[in-house]
Amino acid sequence: VPQPYNALKAALIAHAGDLSQALAPQ
């Protein structure tokens, strides 16, 4: 079943990848 939960959980993974690069210097 396609639902918002699936899409937003996928967005979390993408955002975490970005944050891992941006926050590493700190």
mmCIF file of all heavy atoms, coordinates in Angstrom:
data_MODEL
# 
_entry.id   MODEL 
# 
loop_
_atom_site.group_PDB 
_atom_site.id 
_atom_site.type_symbol 
_atom_site.label_atom_id 
_atom_site.label_alt_id 
_atom_site.label_comp_id 
_atom_site.label_asym_id 
_atom_site.label_entity_id 
_atom_site.label_seq_id 
_atom_site.pdbx_PDB_ins_code 
_atom_site.Cartn_x 
_atom_site.Cartn_y 
_atom_site.Cartn_z 
_atom_site.occupancy 
_atom_site.B_iso_or_equiv 
_atom_site.pdbx_formal_charge 
_atom_site.auth_seq_id 
_atom_site.auth_comp_id 
_atom_site.auth_asym_id 
_atom_site.auth_atom_id 
_atom_site.pdbx_PDB_model_num 
ATOM 1   N N   . VAL A 1 1  ? 0.848  -1.197 0.000  1.00 0.00 ? 1  VAL A N   1 
ATOM 2   C CA  . VAL A 1 1  ? 0.000  0.000  0.000  1.00 0.00 ? 1  VAL A CA  1 
ATOM 3   C C   . VAL A 1 1  ? 0.883  1.247  0.000  1.00 0.00 ? 1  VAL A C   1 
ATOM 4   O O   . VAL A 1 1  ? 1.666  1.439  0.934  1.00 0.00 ? 1  VAL A O   1 
ATOM 5   C CB  . VAL A 1 1  ? -0.927 0.039  1.234  1.00 0.00 ? 1  VAL A CB  1 
ATOM 6   C CG1 . VAL A 1 1  ? -1.771 1.304  1.220  1.00 0.00 ? 1  VAL A CG1 1 
ATOM 7   C CG2 . VAL A 1 1  ? -1.815 -1.193 1.296  1.00 0.00 ? 1  VAL A CG2 1 
ATOM 8   N N   . PRO A 1 2  ? 0.789  2.104  -1.012 1.00 0.00 ? 2  PRO A N   1 
ATOM 9   C CA  . PRO A 1 2  ? 1.542  3.365  -0.970 1.00 0.00 ? 2  PRO A CA  1 
ATOM 10  C C   . PRO A 1 2  ? 0.913  4.309  0.041  1.00 0.00 ? 2  PRO A C   1 
ATOM 11  O O   . PRO A 1 2  ? -0.297 4.544  0.008  1.00 0.00 ? 2  PRO A O   1 
ATOM 12  C CB  . PRO A 1 2  ? 1.409  3.901  -2.401 1.00 0.00 ? 2  PRO A CB  1 
ATOM 13  C CG  . PRO A 1 2  ? 0.169  3.274  -2.939 1.00 0.00 ? 2  PRO A CG  1 
ATOM 14  C CD  . PRO A 1 2  ? 0.027  1.945  -2.274 1.00 0.00 ? 2  PRO A CD  1 
ATOM 15  N N   . GLN A 1 3  ? 1.698  4.817  0.949  1.00 0.00 ? 3  GLN A N   1 
ATOM 16  C CA  . GLN A 1 3  ? 1.155  5.700  1.972  1.00 0.00 ? 3  GLN A CA  1 
ATOM 17  C C   . GLN A 1 3  ? 2.214  6.704  2.412  1.00 0.00 ? 3  GLN A C   1 
ATOM 18  O O   . GLN A 1 3  ? 3.418  6.489  2.207  1.00 0.00 ? 3  GLN A O   1 
ATOM 19  C CB  . GLN A 1 3  ? 0.648  4.907  3.168  1.00 0.00 ? 3  GLN A CB  1 
ATOM 20  C CG  . GLN A 1 3  ? 1.669  4.007  3.819  1.00 0.00 ? 3  GLN A CG  1 
ATOM 21  C CD  . GLN A 1 3  ? 1.113  3.256  5.013  1.00 0.00 ? 3  GLN A CD  1 
ATOM 22  O OE1 . GLN A 1 3  ? 0.219  3.735  5.705  1.00 0.00 ? 3  GLN A OE1 1 
ATOM 23  N NE2 . GLN A 1 3  ? 1.631  2.063  5.253  1.00 0.00 ? 3  GLN A NE2 1 
ATOM 24  N N   . PRO A 1 4  ? 1.797  7.810  3.034  1.00 0.00 ? 4  PRO A N   1 
ATOM 25  C CA  . PRO A 1 4  ? 2.734  8.857  3.445  1.00 0.00 ? 4  PRO A CA  1 
ATOM 26  C C   . PRO A 1 4  ? 3.846  8.351  4.363  1.00 0.00 ? 4  PRO A C   1 
ATOM 27  O O   . PRO A 1 4  ? 4.976  8.809  4.275  1.00 0.00 ? 4  PRO A O   1 
ATOM 28  C CB  . PRO A 1 4  ? 1.833  9.859  4.168  1.00 0.00 ? 4  PRO A CB  1 
ATOM 29  C CG  . PRO A 1 4  ? 0.479  9.650  3.575  1.00 0.00 ? 4  PRO A CG  1 
ATOM 30  C CD  . PRO A 1 4  ? 0.388  8.198  3.266  1.00 0.00 ? 4  PRO A CD  1 
ATOM 31  N N   . TYR A 1 5  ? 3.522  7.425  5.251  1.00 0.00 ? 5  TYR A N   1 
ATOM 32  C CA  . TYR A 1 5  ? 4.516  6.877  6.179  1.00 0.00 ? 5  TYR A CA  1 
ATOM 33  C C   . TYR A 1 5  ? 5.753  6.387  5.432  1.00 0.00 ? 5  TYR A C   1 
ATOM 34  O O   . TYR A 1 5  ? 6.889  6.695  5.817  1.00 0.00 ? 5  TYR A O   1 
ATOM 35  C CB  . TYR A 1 5  ? 3.873  5.738  6.970  1.00 0.00 ? 5  TYR A CB  1 
ATOM 36  C CG  . TYR A 1 5  ? 4.804  4.992  7.900  1.00 0.00 ? 5  TYR A CG  1 
ATOM 37  C CD1 . TYR A 1 5  ? 5.077  5.490  9.177  1.00 0.00 ? 5  TYR A CD1 1 
ATOM 38  C CD2 . TYR A 1 5  ? 5.393  3.791  7.527  1.00 0.00 ? 5  TYR A CD2 1 
ATOM 39  C CE1 . TYR A 1 5  ? 5.921  4.801  10.051 1.00 0.00 ? 5  TYR A CE1 1 
ATOM 40  C CE2 . TYR A 1 5  ? 6.232  3.097  8.382  1.00 0.00 ? 5  TYR A CE2 1 
ATOM 41  C CZ  . TYR A 1 5  ? 6.500  3.604  9.642  1.00 0.00 ? 5  TYR A CZ  1 
ATOM 42  O OH  . TYR A 1 5  ? 7.327  2.922  10.486 1.00 0.00 ? 5  TYR A OH  1 
ATOM 43  N N   . ASN A 1 6  ? 5.545  5.627  4.364  1.00 0.00 ? 6  ASN A N   1 
ATOM 44  C CA  . ASN A 1 6  ? 6.654  5.074  3.591  1.00 0.00 ? 6  ASN A CA  1 
ATOM 45  C C   . ASN A 1 6  ? 7.529  6.190  3.015  1.00 0.00 ? 6  ASN A C   1 
ATOM 46  O O   . ASN A 1 6  ? 8.759  6.145  3.088  1.00 0.00 ? 6  ASN A O   1 
ATOM 47  C CB  . ASN A 1 6  ? 6.136  4.206  2.454  1.00 0.00 ? 6  ASN A CB  1 
ATOM 48  C CG  . ASN A 1 6  ? 5.149  3.148  2.909  1.00 0.00 ? 6  ASN A CG  1 
ATOM 49  O OD1 . ASN A 1 6  ? 4.918  2.958  4.091  1.00 0.00 ? 6  ASN A OD1 1 
ATOM 50  N ND2 . ASN A 1 6  ? 4.556  2.458  1.958  1.00 0.00 ? 6  ASN A ND2 1 
ATOM 51  N N   . ALA A 1 7  ? 6.882  7.172  2.400  1.00 0.00 ? 7  ALA A N   1 
ATOM 52  C CA  . ALA A 1 7  ? 7.614  8.244  1.730  1.00 0.00 ? 7  ALA A CA  1 
ATOM 53  C C   . ALA A 1 7  ? 8.396  9.103  2.711  1.00 0.00 ? 7  ALA A C   1 
ATOM 54  O O   . ALA A 1 7  ? 9.550  9.476  2.458  1.00 0.00 ? 7  ALA A O   1 
ATOM 55  C CB  . ALA A 1 7  ? 6.641  9.119  0.935  1.00 0.00 ? 7  ALA A CB  1 
ATOM 56  N N   . LEU A 1 8  ? 7.799  9.423  3.853  1.00 0.00 ? 8  LEU A N   1 
ATOM 57  C CA  . LEU A 1 8  ? 8.484  10.283 4.816  1.00 0.00 ? 8  LEU A CA  1 
ATOM 58  C C   . LEU A 1 8  ? 9.597  9.534  5.549  1.00 0.00 ? 8  LEU A C   1 
ATOM 59  O O   . LEU A 1 8  ? 10.613 10.138 5.924  1.00 0.00 ? 8  LEU A O   1 
ATOM 60  C CB  . LEU A 1 8  ? 7.473  10.872 5.798  1.00 0.00 ? 8  LEU A CB  1 
ATOM 61  C CG  . LEU A 1 8  ? 6.797  12.190 5.360  1.00 0.00 ? 8  LEU A CG  1 
ATOM 62  C CD1 . LEU A 1 8  ? 7.825  13.289 5.139  1.00 0.00 ? 8  LEU A CD1 1 
ATOM 63  C CD2 . LEU A 1 8  ? 5.965  12.015 4.102  1.00 0.00 ? 8  LEU A CD2 1 
ATOM 64  N N   . LYS A 1 9  ? 9.439  8.242  5.741  1.00 0.00 ? 9  LYS A N   1 
ATOM 65  C CA  . LYS A 1 9  ? 10.538 7.464  6.321  1.00 0.00 ? 9  LYS A CA  1 
ATOM 66  C C   . LYS A 1 9  ? 11.715 7.401  5.342  1.00 0.00 ? 9  LYS A C   1 
ATOM 67  O O   . LYS A 1 9  ? 12.876 7.396  5.752  1.00 0.00 ? 9  LYS A O   1 
ATOM 68  C CB  . LYS A 1 9  ? 10.059 6.060  6.679  1.00 0.00 ? 9  LYS A CB  1 
ATOM 69  C CG  . LYS A 1 9  ? 9.172  6.000  7.925  1.00 0.00 ? 9  LYS A CG  1 
ATOM 70  C CD  . LYS A 1 9  ? 9.876  6.512  9.164  1.00 0.00 ? 9  LYS A CD  1 
ATOM 71  C CE  . LYS A 1 9  ? 9.082  6.251  10.420 1.00 0.00 ? 9  LYS A CE  1 
ATOM 72  N NZ  . LYS A 1 9  ? 9.718  6.857  11.634 1.00 0.00 ? 9  LYS A NZ  1 
ATOM 73  N N   . ALA A 1 10 ? 11.419 7.339  4.046  1.00 0.00 ? 10 ALA A N   1 
ATOM 74  C CA  . ALA A 1 10 ? 12.486 7.394  3.047  1.00 0.00 ? 10 ALA A CA  1 
ATOM 75  C C   . ALA A 1 10 ? 13.168 8.762  3.064  1.00 0.00 ? 10 ALA A C   1 
ATOM 76  O O   . ALA A 1 10 ? 14.398 8.864  2.921  1.00 0.00 ? 10 ALA A O   1 
ATOM 77  C CB  . ALA A 1 10 ? 11.924 7.096  1.660  1.00 0.00 ? 10 ALA A CB  1 
ATOM 78  N N   . ALA A 1 11 ? 12.390 9.815  3.245  1.00 0.00 ? 11 ALA A N   1 
ATOM 79  C CA  . ALA A 1 11 ? 12.961 11.159 3.320  1.00 0.00 ? 11 ALA A CA  1 
ATOM 80  C C   . ALA A 1 11 ? 13.912 11.285 4.507  1.00 0.00 ? 11 ALA A C   1 
ATOM 81  O O   . ALA A 1 11 ? 14.940 11.973 4.427  1.00 0.00 ? 11 ALA A O   1 
ATOM 82  C CB  . ALA A 1 11 ? 11.844 12.195 3.425  1.00 0.00 ? 11 ALA A CB  1 
ATOM 83  N N   . LEU A 1 12 ? 13.596 10.603 5.605  1.00 0.00 ? 12 LEU A N   1 
ATOM 84  C CA  . LEU A 1 12 ? 14.473 10.624 6.776  1.00 0.00 ? 12 LEU A CA  1 
ATOM 85  C C   . LEU A 1 12 ? 15.863 10.077 6.435  1.00 0.00 ? 12 LEU A C   1 
ATOM 86  O O   . LEU A 1 12 ? 16.878 10.610 6.875  1.00 0.00 ? 12 LEU A O   1 
ATOM 87  C CB  . LEU A 1 12 ? 13.870 9.772  7.889  1.00 0.00 ? 12 LEU A CB  1 
ATOM 88  C CG  . LEU A 1 12 ? 13.029 10.451 8.963  1.00 0.00 ? 12 LEU A CG  1 
ATOM 89  C CD1 . LEU A 1 12 ? 12.654 9.433  10.035 1.00 0.00 ? 12 LEU A CD1 1 
ATOM 90  C CD2 . LEU A 1 12 ? 13.763 11.626 9.580  1.00 0.00 ? 12 LEU A CD2 1 
ATOM 91  N N   . ILE A 1 13 ? 15.878 8.992  5.670  1.00 0.00 ? 13 ILE A N   1 
ATOM 92  C CA  . ILE A 1 13 ? 17.153 8.374  5.302  1.00 0.00 ? 13 ILE A CA  1 
ATOM 93  C C   . ILE A 1 13 ? 17.976 9.341  4.444  1.00 0.00 ? 13 ILE A C   1 
ATOM 94  O O   . ILE A 1 13 ? 19.186 9.506  4.650  1.00 0.00 ? 13 ILE A O   1 
ATOM 95  C CB  . ILE A 1 13 ? 16.918 7.050  4.561  1.00 0.00 ? 13 ILE A CB  1 
ATOM 96  C CG1 . ILE A 1 13 ? 16.189 6.051  5.470  1.00 0.00 ? 13 ILE A CG1 1 
ATOM 97  C CG2 . ILE A 1 13 ? 18.233 6.465  4.079  1.00 0.00 ? 13 ILE A CG2 1 
ATOM 98  C CD1 . ILE A 1 13 ? 15.753 4.777  4.775  1.00 0.00 ? 13 ILE A CD1 1 
ATOM 99  N N   . ALA A 1 14 ? 17.311 9.985  3.495  1.00 0.00 ? 14 ALA A N   1 
ATOM 100 C CA  . ALA A 1 14 ? 18.015 10.937 2.633  1.00 0.00 ? 14 ALA A CA  1 
ATOM 101 C C   . ALA A 1 14 ? 18.541 12.128 3.440  1.00 0.00 ? 14 ALA A C   1 
ATOM 102 O O   . ALA A 1 14 ? 19.678 12.577 3.251  1.00 0.00 ? 14 ALA A O   1 
ATOM 103 C CB  . ALA A 1 14 ? 17.073 11.419 1.523  1.00 0.00 ? 14 ALA A CB  1 
ATOM 104 N N   . HIS A 1 15 ? 17.703 12.627 4.354  1.00 0.00 ? 15 HIS A N   1 
ATOM 105 C CA  . HIS A 1 15 ? 18.106 13.794 5.151  1.00 0.00 ? 15 HIS A CA  1 
ATOM 106 C C   . HIS A 1 15 ? 19.261 13.435 6.092  1.00 0.00 ? 15 HIS A C   1 
ATOM 107 O O   . HIS A 1 15 ? 20.183 14.242 6.286  1.00 0.00 ? 15 HIS A O   1 
ATOM 108 C CB  . HIS A 1 15 ? 16.907 14.312 5.938  1.00 0.00 ? 15 HIS A CB  1 
ATOM 109 C CG  . HIS A 1 15 ? 17.163 15.606 6.653  1.00 0.00 ? 15 HIS A CG  1 
ATOM 110 N ND1 . HIS A 1 15 ? 17.753 16.685 6.044  1.00 0.00 ? 15 HIS A ND1 1 
ATOM 111 C CD2 . HIS A 1 15 ? 16.918 15.982 7.947  1.00 0.00 ? 15 HIS A CD2 1 
ATOM 112 C CE1 . HIS A 1 15 ? 17.849 17.687 6.913  1.00 0.00 ? 15 HIS A CE1 1 
ATOM 113 N NE2 . HIS A 1 15 ? 17.367 17.278 8.073  1.00 0.00 ? 15 HIS A NE2 1 
ATOM 114 N N   . ALA A 1 16 ? 19.215 12.245 6.651  1.00 0.00 ? 16 ALA A N   1 
ATOM 115 C CA  . ALA A 1 16 ? 20.301 11.811 7.541  1.00 0.00 ? 16 ALA A CA  1 
ATOM 116 C C   . ALA A 1 16 ? 21.623 11.748 6.790  1.00 0.00 ? 16 ALA A C   1 
ATOM 117 O O   . ALA A 1 16 ? 22.677 12.112 7.334  1.00 0.00 ? 16 ALA A O   1 
ATOM 118 C CB  . ALA A 1 16 ? 19.972 10.450 8.150  1.00 0.00 ? 16 ALA A CB  1 
ATOM 119 N N   . GLY A 1 17 ? 21.571 11.294 5.528  1.00 0.00 ? 17 GLY A N   1 
ATOM 120 C CA  . GLY A 1 17 ? 22.792 11.254 4.728  1.00 0.00 ? 17 GLY A CA  1 
ATOM 121 C C   . GLY A 1 17 ? 23.373 12.636 4.527  1.00 0.00 ? 17 GLY A C   1 
ATOM 122 O O   . GLY A 1 17 ? 24.596 12.835 4.642  1.00 0.00 ? 17 GLY A O   1 
ATOM 123 N N   . ASP A 1 18 ? 22.509 13.605 4.248  1.00 0.00 ? 18 ASP A N   1 
ATOM 124 C CA  . ASP A 1 18 ? 22.977 14.988 4.094  1.00 0.00 ? 18 ASP A CA  1 
ATOM 125 C C   . ASP A 1 18 ? 23.557 15.530 5.400  1.00 0.00 ? 18 ASP A C   1 
ATOM 126 O O   . ASP A 1 18 ? 24.615 16.159 5.421  1.00 0.00 ? 18 ASP A O   1 
ATOM 127 C CB  . ASP A 1 18 ? 21.820 15.888 3.640  1.00 0.00 ? 18 ASP A CB  1 
ATOM 128 C CG  . ASP A 1 18 ? 21.395 15.620 2.210  1.00 0.00 ? 18 ASP A CG  1 
ATOM 129 O OD1 . ASP A 1 18 ? 22.140 14.930 1.484  1.00 0.00 ? 18 ASP A OD1 1 
ATOM 130 O OD2 . ASP A 1 18 ? 20.302 16.079 1.819  1.00 0.00 ? 18 ASP A OD2 1 
ATOM 131 N N   . LEU A 1 19 ? 22.834 15.283 6.503  1.00 0.00 ? 19 LEU A N   1 
ATOM 132 C CA  . LEU A 1 19 ? 23.293 15.781 7.799  1.00 0.00 ? 19 LEU A CA  1 
ATOM 133 C C   . LEU A 1 19 ? 24.628 15.161 8.199  1.00 0.00 ? 19 LEU A C   1 
ATOM 134 O O   . LEU A 1 19 ? 25.475 15.818 8.815  1.00 0.00 ? 19 LEU A O   1 
ATOM 135 C CB  . LEU A 1 19 ? 22.250 15.481 8.882  1.00 0.00 ? 19 LEU A CB  1 
ATOM 136 C CG  . LEU A 1 19 ? 20.978 16.322 8.876  1.00 0.00 ? 19 LEU A CG  1 
ATOM 137 C CD1 . LEU A 1 19 ? 20.011 15.810 9.945  1.00 0.00 ? 19 LEU A CD1 1 
ATOM 138 C CD2 . LEU A 1 19 ? 21.282 17.795 9.112  1.00 0.00 ? 19 LEU A CD2 1 
ATOM 139 N N   . SER A 1 20 ? 24.820 13.886 7.845  1.00 0.00 ? 20 SER A N   1 
ATOM 140 C CA  . SER A 1 20 ? 26.071 13.224 8.224  1.00 0.00 ? 20 SER A CA  1 
ATOM 141 C C   . SER A 1 20 ? 27.276 13.920 7.612  1.00 0.00 ? 20 SER A C   1 
ATOM 142 O O   . SER A 1 20 ? 28.358 13.969 8.218  1.00 0.00 ? 20 SER A O   1 
ATOM 143 C CB  . SER A 1 20 ? 26.032 11.750 7.806  1.00 0.00 ? 20 SER A CB  1 
ATOM 144 O OG  . SER A 1 20 ? 26.134 11.606 6.399  1.00 0.00 ? 20 SER A OG  1 
ATOM 145 N N   . GLN A 1 21 ? 27.102 14.465 6.416  1.00 0.00 ? 21 GLN A N   1 
ATOM 146 C CA  . GLN A 1 21 ? 28.184 15.196 5.771  1.00 0.00 ? 21 GLN A CA  1 
ATOM 147 C C   . GLN A 1 21 ? 28.328 16.604 6.350  1.00 0.00 ? 21 GLN A C   1 
ATOM 148 O O   . GLN A 1 21 ? 29.436 17.081 6.620  1.00 0.00 ? 21 GLN A O   1 
ATOM 149 C CB  . GLN A 1 21 ? 27.918 15.286 4.261  1.00 0.00 ? 21 GLN A CB  1 
ATOM 150 C CG  . GLN A 1 21 ? 27.900 13.947 3.550  1.00 0.00 ? 21 GLN A CG  1 
ATOM 151 C CD  . GLN A 1 21 ? 29.263 13.296 3.519  1.00 0.00 ? 21 GLN A CD  1 
ATOM 152 O OE1 . GLN A 1 21 ? 30.277 13.951 3.299  1.00 0.00 ? 21 GLN A OE1 1 
ATOM 153 N NE2 . GLN A 1 21 ? 29.302 11.986 3.741  1.00 0.00 ? 21 GLN A NE2 1 
ATOM 154 N N   . ALA A 1 22 ? 27.187 17.255 6.556  1.00 0.00 ? 22 ALA A N   1 
ATOM 155 C CA  . ALA A 1 22 ? 27.217 18.643 7.010  1.00 0.00 ? 22 ALA A CA  1 
ATOM 156 C C   . ALA A 1 22 ? 27.682 18.781 8.453  1.00 0.00 ? 22 ALA A C   1 
ATOM 157 O O   . ALA A 1 22 ? 28.334 19.784 8.811  1.00 0.00 ? 22 ALA A O   1 
ATOM 158 C CB  . ALA A 1 22 ? 25.824 19.258 6.851  1.00 0.00 ? 22 ALA A CB  1 
ATOM 159 N N   . LEU A 1 23 ? 27.370 17.819 9.310  1.00 0.00 ? 23 LEU A N   1 
ATOM 160 C CA  . LEU A 1 23 ? 27.678 17.942 10.736 1.00 0.00 ? 23 LEU A CA  1 
ATOM 161 C C   . LEU A 1 23 ? 28.987 17.264 11.135 1.00 0.00 ? 23 LEU A C   1 
ATOM 162 O O   . LEU A 1 23 ? 29.444 17.411 12.265 1.00 0.00 ? 23 LEU A O   1 
ATOM 163 C CB  . LEU A 1 23 ? 26.532 17.367 11.572 1.00 0.00 ? 23 LEU A CB  1 
ATOM 164 C CG  . LEU A 1 23 ? 25.170 18.051 11.401 1.00 0.00 ? 23 LEU A CG  1 
ATOM 165 C CD1 . LEU A 1 23 ? 24.140 17.442 12.352 1.00 0.00 ? 23 LEU A CD1 1 
ATOM 166 C CD2 . LEU A 1 23 ? 25.276 19.554 11.620 1.00 0.00 ? 23 LEU A CD2 1 
ATOM 167 N N   . ALA A 1 24 ? 29.587 16.520 10.227 1.00 0.00 ? 24 ALA A N   1 
ATOM 168 C CA  . ALA A 1 24 ? 30.842 15.842 10.551 1.00 0.00 ? 24 ALA A CA  1 
ATOM 169 C C   . ALA A 1 24 ? 31.933 16.796 11.029 1.00 0.00 ? 24 ALA A C   1 
ATOM 170 O O   . ALA A 1 24 ? 32.670 16.478 11.982 1.00 0.00 ? 24 ALA A O   1 
ATOM 171 C CB  . ALA A 1 24 ? 31.329 15.032 9.347  1.00 0.00 ? 24 ALA A CB  1 
ATOM 172 N N   . PRO A 1 25 ? 32.083 17.990 10.423 1.00 0.00 ? 25 PRO A N   1 
ATOM 173 C CA  . PRO A 1 25 ? 33.117 18.907 10.908 1.00 0.00 ? 25 PRO A CA  1 
ATOM 174 C C   . PRO A 1 25 ? 32.915 19.342 12.362 1.00 0.00 ? 25 PRO A C   1 
ATOM 175 O O   . PRO A 1 25 ? 33.866 19.784 13.015 1.00 0.00 ? 25 PRO A O   1 
ATOM 176 C CB  . PRO A 1 25 ? 32.999 20.107 9.952  1.00 0.00 ? 25 PRO A CB  1 
ATOM 177 C CG  . PRO A 1 25 ? 32.422 19.524 8.697  1.00 0.00 ? 25 PRO A CG  1 
ATOM 178 C CD  . PRO A 1 25 ? 31.450 18.490 9.184  1.00 0.00 ? 25 PRO A CD  1 
ATOM 179 N N   . GLN A 1 26 ? 31.677 19.226 12.860 1.00 0.00 ? 26 GLN A N   1 
ATOM 180 C CA  . GLN A 1 26 ? 31.400 19.580 14.253 1.00 0.00 ? 26 GLN A CA  1 
ATOM 181 C C   . GLN A 1 26 ? 31.499 18.366 15.177 1.00 0.00 ? 26 GLN A C   1 
ATOM 182 O O   . GLN A 1 26 ? 31.186 18.449 16.362 1.00 0.00 ? 26 GLN A O   1 
ATOM 183 C CB  . GLN A 1 26 ? 30.006 20.202 14.373 1.00 0.00 ? 26 GLN A CB  1 
ATOM 184 C CG  . GLN A 1 26 ? 29.863 21.494 13.588 1.00 0.00 ? 26 GLN A CG  1 
ATOM 185 C CD  . GLN A 1 26 ? 28.495 22.116 13.764 1.00 0.00 ? 26 GLN A CD  1 
ATOM 186 O OE1 . GLN A 1 26 ? 28.096 22.462 14.873 1.00 0.00 ? 26 GLN A OE1 1 
ATOM 187 N NE2 . GLN A 1 26 ? 27.760 22.257 12.668 1.00 0.00 ? 26 GLN A NE2 1 
# 
